[in-house]
Amino acid sequence: MALGFFFMVEGAEDALFLEKVLFPRLTEMPLPPEIIRFAQRRPQHRAEIFYKHISQGYEAYILADLNSAPCVTEAKQRVIKEQFNNFKGLRVRHLQIERRIIIVCPEIEAWYLAGLRNDNPFGIQTSQTTDSLTKEKTDELVGNLIGSLGGRLLFMRAVLNDYDWELAKTRNQSLRYFAGRLGL
């Protein structure tokens, strides 16, 4: 059994999602889950942190938005894998790093809006799927709300106050995959 869960994420919205939605569901580990934001860290430092946690017994994952990478998830995984798979000049093949890379399709906003009910307090028009919902499309849907609630992160926090996890898994394929990988 792993010691705990460890996640490397790109930014604040990714971290907030994990803290508020995922962490309460991860209850069967000796240590609480941990998050580190890696976007501003040097690639060598990212790899050091990641492999240190694996060697300590953590179940470790890297979350990255698909963004504007080539249209296949495997291409984005390959880019992330290259950043993490070469540690101190040694290839670390035995860890199967590609199984530890979760691609958020296309961006974390898709996971947030996937959990909004049809009768949400924001009056946002929901969809059966958020698999193609980008940050730009989210801004079109909620632009005025972001300003009225004091910014993007405060808006995202408000969305999570009324979040439906089971509904979200039906609306976003990459979230459903992620939940399955973690046994949720």
Foldseek 3Di string as FASTA:
>chain_A
DFQEEEEEEADDLVVLCCVLPPQVVGDPHNDGYYYHHPNPPQLQVVLVVQVVRVVVRHLYAYEEAQPPFPPDPVRVLVVVCVSRQQHPNDGDPVVVRSLRYQYFAHDCVQLLLQFADCPHPQNFHHDQASNHPDPVNVCVRCVVVQVVQPHDVSVSNVSSVRGDLVSSLRHYVSSVVVCVSVVD
